[in-house]
N, C-alpha and C. Protein backbone atom coordinates (compact mmCIF):
# COMPACT_ATOMS: atom_id res chain seq x y z
N MET A 1 -0.44 -12.25 21.19
CA MET A 1 -1.33 -11.60 20.25
C MET A 1 -0.58 -11.30 18.96
N PRO A 2 -1.13 -11.68 17.81
CA PRO A 2 -0.43 -11.43 16.55
C PRO A 2 -0.36 -9.95 16.23
N ARG A 3 0.70 -9.58 15.54
CA ARG A 3 0.84 -8.19 15.11
C ARG A 3 0.04 -8.03 13.82
N THR A 4 -0.78 -7.00 13.77
CA THR A 4 -1.71 -6.87 12.64
C THR A 4 -1.66 -5.49 11.98
N ARG A 5 -0.69 -4.67 12.28
CA ARG A 5 -0.62 -3.31 11.76
C ARG A 5 0.19 -3.30 10.47
N TYR A 6 -0.46 -3.03 9.35
CA TYR A 6 0.18 -2.98 8.04
C TYR A 6 0.31 -1.53 7.60
N VAL A 7 1.34 -1.25 6.81
CA VAL A 7 1.60 0.12 6.36
C VAL A 7 1.42 0.20 4.85
N ILE A 8 0.72 1.23 4.42
CA ILE A 8 0.55 1.56 3.00
C ILE A 8 1.42 2.77 2.73
N GLU A 9 2.20 2.69 1.67
CA GLU A 9 3.05 3.81 1.30
C GLU A 9 2.97 3.99 -0.22
N THR A 10 2.72 5.21 -0.66
CA THR A 10 2.75 5.50 -2.08
C THR A 10 4.11 6.07 -2.44
N GLY A 11 4.45 5.97 -3.71
CA GLY A 11 5.74 6.50 -4.14
C GLY A 11 5.98 6.19 -5.61
N ASN A 12 7.24 6.23 -5.96
CA ASN A 12 7.64 5.99 -7.34
C ASN A 12 8.66 4.85 -7.40
N ASP A 13 8.46 3.98 -8.36
CA ASP A 13 9.31 2.82 -8.56
C ASP A 13 10.11 3.06 -9.83
N ALA A 14 11.38 3.32 -9.69
CA ALA A 14 12.25 3.55 -10.84
C ALA A 14 13.35 2.50 -10.85
N ASP A 15 13.29 1.62 -11.82
CA ASP A 15 14.29 0.55 -11.96
C ASP A 15 14.42 -0.28 -10.69
N GLY A 16 13.29 -0.55 -10.03
CA GLY A 16 13.29 -1.38 -8.84
C GLY A 16 13.62 -0.63 -7.56
N GLY A 17 14.06 0.59 -7.67
CA GLY A 17 14.33 1.41 -6.49
C GLY A 17 13.06 2.12 -6.05
N TRP A 18 12.97 2.45 -4.80
CA TRP A 18 11.75 3.05 -4.26
C TRP A 18 12.03 4.45 -3.75
N THR A 19 11.19 5.40 -4.17
CA THR A 19 11.22 6.76 -3.64
C THR A 19 9.86 7.01 -3.02
N ALA A 20 9.83 7.23 -1.72
CA ALA A 20 8.57 7.43 -1.00
C ALA A 20 7.86 8.69 -1.49
N GLY A 21 6.54 8.60 -1.53
CA GLY A 21 5.71 9.72 -1.93
C GLY A 21 5.06 10.39 -0.72
N SER A 22 3.92 10.98 -0.95
CA SER A 22 3.28 11.81 0.08
C SER A 22 2.35 11.05 1.02
N PHE A 23 1.98 9.83 0.69
CA PHE A 23 0.99 9.11 1.49
C PHE A 23 1.65 7.95 2.24
N HIS A 24 1.45 7.93 3.56
CA HIS A 24 2.02 6.89 4.41
C HIS A 24 1.06 6.72 5.59
N GLU A 25 0.33 5.60 5.60
CA GLU A 25 -0.66 5.35 6.65
C GLU A 25 -0.62 3.88 7.04
N ALA A 26 -1.16 3.59 8.20
CA ALA A 26 -1.24 2.21 8.68
C ALA A 26 -2.69 1.81 8.88
N PHE A 27 -2.94 0.51 8.75
CA PHE A 27 -4.27 -0.02 9.00
C PHE A 27 -4.13 -1.43 9.55
N ASN A 28 -5.17 -1.93 10.15
CA ASN A 28 -5.17 -3.27 10.73
C ASN A 28 -5.75 -4.28 9.75
N ALA A 29 -5.14 -5.45 9.74
CA ALA A 29 -5.64 -6.58 8.95
C ALA A 29 -5.24 -7.85 9.69
N ALA A 30 -6.02 -8.89 9.51
CA ALA A 30 -5.79 -10.15 10.22
C ALA A 30 -4.50 -10.84 9.79
N ASP A 31 -4.15 -10.75 8.50
CA ASP A 31 -2.95 -11.41 7.98
C ASP A 31 -2.58 -10.78 6.64
N ASP A 32 -1.50 -11.28 6.04
CA ASP A 32 -1.02 -10.71 4.77
C ASP A 32 -2.08 -10.75 3.68
N ALA A 33 -2.79 -11.86 3.56
CA ALA A 33 -3.81 -11.99 2.52
C ALA A 33 -4.92 -10.97 2.70
N ALA A 34 -5.37 -10.79 3.92
CA ALA A 34 -6.42 -9.81 4.20
C ALA A 34 -5.93 -8.39 3.93
N ALA A 35 -4.68 -8.12 4.26
CA ALA A 35 -4.11 -6.79 4.01
C ALA A 35 -4.04 -6.50 2.52
N LYS A 36 -3.57 -7.48 1.73
CA LYS A 36 -3.51 -7.30 0.28
C LYS A 36 -4.91 -7.11 -0.30
N GLY A 37 -5.86 -7.91 0.17
CA GLY A 37 -7.23 -7.83 -0.33
C GLY A 37 -7.94 -6.54 0.04
N GLY A 38 -7.53 -5.92 1.13
CA GLY A 38 -8.17 -4.68 1.58
C GLY A 38 -7.41 -3.43 1.24
N LEU A 39 -6.36 -3.55 0.44
CA LEU A 39 -5.51 -2.40 0.15
C LEU A 39 -6.25 -1.25 -0.52
N ARG A 40 -7.00 -1.53 -1.59
CA ARG A 40 -7.73 -0.46 -2.28
C ARG A 40 -8.74 0.20 -1.36
N THR A 41 -9.47 -0.60 -0.62
CA THR A 41 -10.47 -0.07 0.31
C THR A 41 -9.81 0.79 1.38
N ALA A 42 -8.69 0.33 1.90
CA ALA A 42 -7.98 1.09 2.93
C ALA A 42 -7.47 2.41 2.37
N LEU A 43 -6.89 2.39 1.18
CA LEU A 43 -6.41 3.64 0.58
C LEU A 43 -7.53 4.66 0.47
N THR A 44 -8.65 4.23 -0.06
CA THR A 44 -9.79 5.12 -0.23
C THR A 44 -10.31 5.60 1.12
N GLY A 45 -10.48 4.67 2.05
CA GLY A 45 -11.01 5.01 3.37
C GLY A 45 -10.10 5.93 4.17
N LEU A 46 -8.80 5.87 3.92
CA LEU A 46 -7.84 6.72 4.63
C LEU A 46 -7.66 8.07 3.95
N GLY A 47 -8.41 8.30 2.87
CA GLY A 47 -8.42 9.61 2.23
C GLY A 47 -7.39 9.82 1.14
N TYR A 48 -6.81 8.77 0.60
CA TYR A 48 -5.82 8.94 -0.45
C TYR A 48 -6.45 9.48 -1.72
N GLN A 49 -5.78 10.47 -2.31
CA GLN A 49 -6.16 10.99 -3.62
C GLN A 49 -4.91 10.95 -4.48
N GLN A 50 -5.01 10.31 -5.63
CA GLN A 50 -3.83 10.09 -6.45
C GLN A 50 -3.22 11.39 -6.93
N GLY A 51 -1.90 11.45 -6.77
CA GLY A 51 -1.13 12.59 -7.23
C GLY A 51 -0.08 12.13 -8.21
N GLU A 52 1.16 12.47 -7.95
CA GLU A 52 2.27 12.15 -8.84
C GLU A 52 2.82 10.74 -8.64
N GLU A 53 2.43 10.06 -7.56
CA GLU A 53 2.97 8.74 -7.28
C GLU A 53 2.54 7.73 -8.34
N THR A 54 3.44 6.82 -8.67
CA THR A 54 3.14 5.81 -9.69
C THR A 54 2.83 4.44 -9.10
N HIS A 55 3.19 4.22 -7.83
CA HIS A 55 3.02 2.91 -7.22
C HIS A 55 2.57 3.02 -5.76
N VAL A 56 2.07 1.90 -5.29
CA VAL A 56 1.76 1.77 -3.87
C VAL A 56 2.41 0.48 -3.40
N ARG A 57 2.93 0.49 -2.18
CA ARG A 57 3.48 -0.74 -1.63
C ARG A 57 2.88 -0.99 -0.26
N LEU A 58 2.88 -2.26 0.10
CA LEU A 58 2.31 -2.70 1.36
C LEU A 58 3.42 -3.33 2.18
N LEU A 59 3.55 -2.87 3.42
CA LEU A 59 4.56 -3.38 4.34
C LEU A 59 3.89 -4.17 5.44
N ASP A 60 4.49 -5.28 5.83
CA ASP A 60 3.93 -6.09 6.91
C ASP A 60 4.26 -5.47 8.27
N PRO A 61 3.78 -6.06 9.37
CA PRO A 61 4.04 -5.48 10.69
C PRO A 61 5.52 -5.34 11.04
N ASP A 62 6.39 -6.10 10.37
CA ASP A 62 7.83 -5.98 10.59
C ASP A 62 8.48 -5.01 9.62
N LYS A 63 7.68 -4.31 8.84
CA LYS A 63 8.10 -3.31 7.86
C LYS A 63 8.81 -3.90 6.65
N ALA A 64 8.56 -5.17 6.36
CA ALA A 64 9.06 -5.80 5.15
C ALA A 64 8.02 -5.64 4.05
N GLU A 65 8.46 -5.31 2.85
CA GLU A 65 7.53 -5.16 1.73
C GLU A 65 6.96 -6.51 1.34
N ILE A 66 5.63 -6.57 1.24
CA ILE A 66 4.98 -7.82 0.83
C ILE A 66 4.24 -7.67 -0.50
N ALA A 67 4.05 -6.44 -0.95
CA ALA A 67 3.38 -6.23 -2.24
C ALA A 67 3.73 -4.84 -2.75
N ARG A 68 3.78 -4.73 -4.09
CA ARG A 68 3.98 -3.44 -4.76
C ARG A 68 3.13 -3.47 -6.02
N TYR A 69 2.30 -2.45 -6.21
CA TYR A 69 1.40 -2.39 -7.35
C TYR A 69 1.49 -1.03 -8.03
N PRO A 70 1.36 -1.01 -9.37
CA PRO A 70 1.27 0.28 -10.05
C PRO A 70 -0.11 0.90 -9.76
N LEU A 71 -0.12 2.19 -9.58
CA LEU A 71 -1.38 2.91 -9.37
C LEU A 71 -1.95 3.27 -10.74
N ASN A 72 -2.56 2.29 -11.36
CA ASN A 72 -3.12 2.49 -12.70
C ASN A 72 -4.61 2.09 -12.66
N GLU A 73 -5.24 2.21 -13.80
CA GLU A 73 -6.67 1.91 -13.85
C GLU A 73 -6.98 0.47 -13.44
N ALA A 74 -6.13 -0.45 -13.83
CA ALA A 74 -6.35 -1.86 -13.46
C ALA A 74 -6.32 -2.05 -11.95
N PHE A 75 -5.46 -1.33 -11.26
CA PHE A 75 -5.40 -1.44 -9.80
C PHE A 75 -6.73 -1.00 -9.19
N TRP A 76 -7.27 0.10 -9.67
CA TRP A 76 -8.48 0.65 -9.06
C TRP A 76 -9.74 -0.11 -9.45
N THR A 77 -9.72 -0.81 -10.56
CA THR A 77 -10.95 -1.47 -11.03
C THR A 77 -10.96 -2.98 -10.83
N SER A 78 -9.83 -3.58 -10.49
CA SER A 78 -9.81 -5.05 -10.34
C SER A 78 -10.29 -5.48 -8.98
């Protein structure tokens, strides 16, 4: 059975370094593409409310980062 548990983590990206923020949750997705495509929906559905964090990153089932996005207006509206 494929591993399908992806992790969403908010935080701050300073010069490529990562500092974890207050939001850290997991959700299921069929594959990397589905996880990336469902990231905004998952954040909202899991109750995330934007605070001081500047970025969100997505980790695959092996906890490797597969995406990092700024939490800006373009992220929420695209």
